[in-house]
Amino acid sequence: MGINALREMCVRAPLMLDEFHLNFVADFKKYRNKNVSASAKSLINLYRDLHPKLLNKHHRGRVLKELDDDEMDNNINAYGEEKVHARIPGIKLL
């Protein structure tokens, strides 16, 4: 299966990969084929936004190493959970 297809599936279901499998695919960042390394980097960037706690420290980036574990867990939803807004975000700007 291609890494780009895997990334597209992870956009919809970020809990699809566990920590071991995510870091296994993320290690392809140093692969000598340019397309494979670019795909692995895009998967790493996706998980930096969605769930950085699953990444190893050297894949997280400089800014995310300083965050606590509690701050990293805020933006991931459990399976089947949806984020419901009580009001429209950015309404004060109008």
N, C-alpha and C. Protein backbone atom coordinates (compact mmCIF):
# COMPACT_ATOMS: atom_id res chain seq x y z
N MET A 1 0.85 -1.17 0.00
CA MET A 1 0.00 0.00 0.00
C MET A 1 0.90 1.23 0.00
N GLY A 2 0.53 2.24 -0.73
CA GLY A 2 1.32 3.45 -0.79
C GLY A 2 1.19 4.30 0.46
N ILE A 3 2.22 5.05 0.74
CA ILE A 3 2.21 5.89 1.93
C ILE A 3 1.23 7.04 1.76
N ASN A 4 1.06 7.53 0.53
CA ASN A 4 0.08 8.60 0.30
C ASN A 4 -1.34 8.11 0.56
N ALA A 5 -1.65 6.88 0.16
CA ALA A 5 -2.97 6.31 0.44
C ALA A 5 -3.16 6.13 1.94
N LEU A 6 -2.11 5.71 2.61
CA LEU A 6 -2.16 5.55 4.06
C LEU A 6 -2.40 6.90 4.75
N ARG A 7 -1.75 7.94 4.24
CA ARG A 7 -1.94 9.29 4.81
C ARG A 7 -3.38 9.76 4.63
N GLU A 8 -3.98 9.51 3.47
CA GLU A 8 -5.36 9.92 3.24
C GLU A 8 -6.33 9.18 4.15
N MET A 9 -6.05 7.92 4.44
CA MET A 9 -6.90 7.19 5.38
C MET A 9 -6.73 7.73 6.79
N CYS A 10 -5.51 8.15 7.14
CA CYS A 10 -5.25 8.68 8.48
C CYS A 10 -5.85 10.06 8.68
N VAL A 11 -6.12 10.79 7.60
CA VAL A 11 -6.79 12.08 7.73
C VAL A 11 -8.19 11.87 8.29
N ARG A 12 -8.86 10.83 7.82
CA ARG A 12 -10.22 10.56 8.28
C ARG A 12 -10.26 9.82 9.61
N ALA A 13 -9.31 8.94 9.85
CA ALA A 13 -9.28 8.15 11.09
C ALA A 13 -7.86 8.15 11.65
N PRO A 14 -7.49 9.19 12.42
CA PRO A 14 -6.11 9.30 12.89
C PRO A 14 -5.68 8.22 13.88
N LEU A 15 -6.62 7.54 14.50
CA LEU A 15 -6.26 6.48 15.44
C LEU A 15 -6.05 5.14 14.75
N MET A 16 -6.03 5.14 13.42
CA MET A 16 -5.84 3.92 12.65
C MET A 16 -4.46 3.32 12.89
N LEU A 17 -3.45 4.15 13.02
CA LEU A 17 -2.08 3.69 13.25
C LEU A 17 -1.74 3.82 14.72
N ASP A 18 -1.12 2.80 15.26
CA ASP A 18 -0.61 2.92 16.63
C ASP A 18 0.81 3.49 16.57
N GLU A 19 1.40 3.67 17.73
CA GLU A 19 2.70 4.34 17.82
C GLU A 19 3.80 3.58 17.08
N PHE A 20 3.81 2.27 17.20
CA PHE A 20 4.85 1.47 16.55
C PHE A 20 4.77 1.56 15.03
N HIS A 21 3.58 1.37 14.48
CA HIS A 21 3.42 1.37 13.03
C HIS A 21 3.63 2.76 12.44
N LEU A 22 3.20 3.80 13.15
CA LEU A 22 3.41 5.16 12.66
C LEU A 22 4.90 5.48 12.58
N ASN A 23 5.64 5.14 13.61
CA ASN A 23 7.07 5.44 13.60
C ASN A 23 7.84 4.55 12.62
N PHE A 24 7.32 3.35 12.34
CA PHE A 24 7.93 2.51 11.32
C PHE A 24 7.82 3.17 9.95
N VAL A 25 6.64 3.69 9.63
CA VAL A 25 6.44 4.37 8.34
C VAL A 25 7.17 5.70 8.33
N ALA A 26 7.24 6.40 9.46
CA ALA A 26 7.91 7.69 9.52
C ALA A 26 9.42 7.56 9.32
N ASP A 27 9.97 6.39 9.61
CA ASP A 27 11.40 6.18 9.40
C ASP A 27 11.77 6.11 7.92
N PHE A 28 10.80 6.00 7.05
CA PHE A 28 11.07 6.04 5.62
C PHE A 28 11.43 7.45 5.15
N LYS A 29 11.48 8.39 6.07
CA LYS A 29 11.87 9.77 5.74
C LYS A 29 13.29 9.81 5.19
N LYS A 30 14.14 8.91 5.59
CA LYS A 30 15.53 8.87 5.15
C LYS A 30 15.74 7.92 3.97
N TYR A 31 14.66 7.42 3.39
CA TYR A 31 14.76 6.50 2.26
C TYR A 31 15.33 7.24 1.05
N ARG A 32 16.06 6.56 0.19
CA ARG A 32 16.75 7.27 -0.88
C ARG A 32 15.86 7.65 -2.05
N ASN A 33 14.69 7.02 -2.19
CA ASN A 33 13.75 7.43 -3.24
C ASN A 33 13.03 8.70 -2.79
N LYS A 34 13.03 9.71 -3.65
CA LYS A 34 12.49 11.02 -3.29
C LYS A 34 10.99 10.96 -3.04
N ASN A 35 10.25 10.18 -3.82
CA ASN A 35 8.80 10.11 -3.64
C ASN A 35 8.43 9.46 -2.32
N VAL A 36 9.15 8.44 -1.93
CA VAL A 36 8.86 7.75 -0.67
C VAL A 36 9.18 8.65 0.51
N SER A 37 10.31 9.35 0.45
CA SER A 37 10.68 10.22 1.57
C SER A 37 9.72 11.41 1.68
N ALA A 38 9.26 11.94 0.56
CA ALA A 38 8.30 13.05 0.60
C ALA A 38 6.96 12.59 1.18
N SER A 39 6.54 11.38 0.85
CA SER A 39 5.29 10.84 1.40
C SER A 39 5.40 10.63 2.90
N ALA A 40 6.54 10.13 3.35
CA ALA A 40 6.74 9.92 4.78
C ALA A 40 6.76 11.25 5.53
N LYS A 41 7.38 12.27 4.93
CA LYS A 41 7.40 13.59 5.56
C LYS A 41 5.99 14.19 5.66
N SER A 42 5.16 13.96 4.64
CA SER A 42 3.79 14.48 4.70
C SER A 42 2.98 13.76 5.78
N LEU A 43 3.24 12.47 5.99
CA LEU A 43 2.57 11.74 7.07
C LEU A 43 3.01 12.26 8.43
N ILE A 44 4.30 12.55 8.56
CA ILE A 44 4.81 13.11 9.82
C ILE A 44 4.17 14.46 10.10
N ASN A 45 4.08 15.31 9.08
CA ASN A 45 3.46 16.63 9.27
C ASN A 45 1.99 16.51 9.62
N LEU A 46 1.30 15.52 9.08
CA LEU A 46 -0.11 15.31 9.43
C LEU A 46 -0.25 14.97 10.90
N TYR A 47 0.58 14.06 11.39
CA TYR A 47 0.49 13.66 12.79
C TYR A 47 1.06 14.71 13.73
N ARG A 48 1.89 15.62 13.25
CA ARG A 48 2.31 16.75 14.09
C ARG A 48 1.12 17.63 14.42
N ASP A 49 0.17 17.74 13.50
CA ASP A 49 -1.03 18.53 13.74
C ASP A 49 -2.09 17.76 14.49
N LEU A 50 -2.31 16.48 14.13
CA LEU A 50 -3.41 15.73 14.69
C LEU A 50 -3.10 15.13 16.06
N HIS A 51 -2.02 14.38 16.16
CA HIS A 51 -1.74 13.64 17.40
C HIS A 51 -0.23 13.47 17.56
N PRO A 52 0.47 14.53 17.99
CA PRO A 52 1.93 14.48 18.05
C PRO A 52 2.48 13.53 19.11
N LYS A 53 1.66 13.10 20.04
CA LYS A 53 2.14 12.21 21.09
C LYS A 53 2.53 10.84 20.53
N LEU A 54 1.96 10.45 19.40
CA LEU A 54 2.29 9.16 18.81
C LEU A 54 3.66 9.15 18.15
N LEU A 55 4.18 10.31 17.77
CA LEU A 55 5.47 10.38 17.10
C LEU A 55 6.62 10.30 18.10
N ASN A 56 7.75 9.76 17.65
CA ASN A 56 8.96 9.81 18.47
C ASN A 56 9.42 11.25 18.61
N LYS A 57 10.27 11.52 19.58
CA LYS A 57 10.70 12.89 19.83
C LYS A 57 11.44 13.50 18.65
N HIS A 58 12.21 12.71 17.93
CA HIS A 58 12.96 13.30 16.82
C HIS A 58 12.08 13.56 15.60
N HIS A 59 10.84 13.03 15.58
CA HIS A 59 9.90 13.34 14.50
C HIS A 59 8.96 14.48 14.86
N ARG A 60 8.85 14.82 16.13
CA ARG A 60 7.90 15.84 16.55
C ARG A 60 8.27 17.25 16.12
N GLY A 61 9.53 17.56 16.11
CA GLY A 61 9.94 18.92 15.79
C GLY A 61 10.31 19.68 17.04
N ARG A 62 10.96 20.79 16.84
CA ARG A 62 11.51 21.56 17.96
C ARG A 62 10.42 22.16 18.83
N VAL A 63 9.37 22.71 18.25
CA VAL A 63 8.33 23.38 19.03
C VAL A 63 7.53 22.38 19.85
N LEU A 64 7.23 21.23 19.28
CA LEU A 64 6.39 20.26 19.97
C LEU A 64 7.11 19.51 21.07
N LYS A 65 8.44 19.52 21.10
CA LYS A 65 9.17 18.85 22.16
C LYS A 65 8.95 19.54 23.50
N GLU A 66 8.66 20.84 23.46
CA GLU A 66 8.50 21.61 24.68
C GLU A 66 7.12 21.47 25.31
N LEU A 67 6.13 20.98 24.56
CA LEU A 67 4.77 20.86 25.08
C LEU A 67 4.64 19.70 26.06
N ASP A 68 3.72 19.84 26.99
CA ASP A 68 3.41 18.76 27.92
C ASP A 68 2.57 17.70 27.21
N ASP A 69 2.46 16.53 27.83
CA ASP A 69 1.63 15.48 27.26
C ASP A 69 0.16 15.85 27.29
N ASP A 70 -0.27 16.63 28.30
CA ASP A 70 -1.67 17.04 28.39
C ASP A 70 -2.04 17.98 27.24
N GLU A 71 -1.12 18.85 26.86
CA GLU A 71 -1.39 19.79 25.77
C GLU A 71 -1.46 19.07 24.42
N MET A 72 -0.75 17.96 24.29
CA MET A 72 -0.76 17.21 23.03
C MET A 72 -2.04 16.40 22.86
N ASP A 73 -2.71 16.05 23.94
CA ASP A 73 -3.90 15.21 23.85
C ASP A 73 -5.17 16.00 23.57
N ASN A 74 -5.12 17.32 23.56
CA ASN A 74 -6.33 18.12 23.46
C ASN A 74 -7.04 18.00 22.11
N ASN A 75 -6.32 17.80 21.04
CA ASN A 75 -6.95 17.90 19.73
C ASN A 75 -7.26 16.56 19.08
N ILE A 76 -7.23 15.45 19.80
CA ILE A 76 -7.57 14.15 19.22
C ILE A 76 -8.90 13.68 19.80
N ASN A 77 -9.77 13.19 18.93
CA ASN A 77 -11.07 12.70 19.37
C ASN A 77 -11.03 11.18 19.48
N ALA A 78 -11.81 10.63 20.36
CA ALA A 78 -11.93 9.18 20.47
C ALA A 78 -12.69 8.66 19.26
N TYR A 79 -12.70 7.35 19.09
CA TYR A 79 -13.36 6.76 17.94
C TYR A 79 -14.86 7.07 17.97
N GLY A 80 -15.37 7.67 16.91
CA GLY A 80 -16.78 8.00 16.79
C GLY A 80 -17.17 9.30 17.45
N GLU A 81 -16.26 9.98 18.10
CA GLU A 81 -16.57 11.23 18.79
C GLU A 81 -16.47 12.39 17.79
N GLU A 82 -17.40 13.31 17.88
CA GLU A 82 -17.39 14.48 17.03
C GLU A 82 -17.24 15.74 17.88
N LYS A 83 -16.59 16.72 17.31
CA LYS A 83 -16.44 17.99 18.01
C LYS A 83 -17.64 18.88 17.67
N VAL A 84 -18.42 19.23 18.68
CA VAL A 84 -19.63 20.02 18.48
C VAL A 84 -19.38 21.42 19.02
N HIS A 85 -19.67 22.42 18.20
CA HIS A 85 -19.49 23.81 18.61
C HIS A 85 -20.81 24.35 19.17
N ALA A 86 -20.73 25.10 20.25
CA ALA A 86 -21.92 25.71 20.84
C ALA A 86 -22.31 26.97 20.08
N ARG A 87 -21.34 27.61 19.46
CA ARG A 87 -21.60 28.80 18.66
C ARG A 87 -20.66 28.78 17.46
N ILE A 88 -20.87 29.69 16.56
CA ILE A 88 -20.07 29.73 15.35
C ILE A 88 -18.72 30.36 15.67
N PRO A 89 -17.60 29.64 15.38
CA PRO A 89 -16.29 30.23 15.64
C PRO A 89 -16.01 31.42 14.73
N GLY A 90 -15.50 32.50 15.29
CA GLY A 90 -15.15 33.68 14.50
C GLY A 90 -16.31 34.61 14.24
N ILE A 91 -17.45 34.46 14.94
CA ILE A 91 -18.62 35.29 14.69
C ILE A 91 -18.38 36.74 15.11
N LYS A 92 -17.49 36.94 16.08
CA LYS A 92 -17.22 38.30 16.54
C LYS A 92 -16.50 39.12 15.49
N LEU A 93 -15.83 38.47 14.56
CA LEU A 93 -15.14 39.19 13.50
C LEU A 93 -16.09 39.82 12.51
N LEU A 94 -17.30 39.29 12.40
CA LEU A 94 -18.29 39.84 11.48
C LEU A 94 -18.89 41.06 12.10
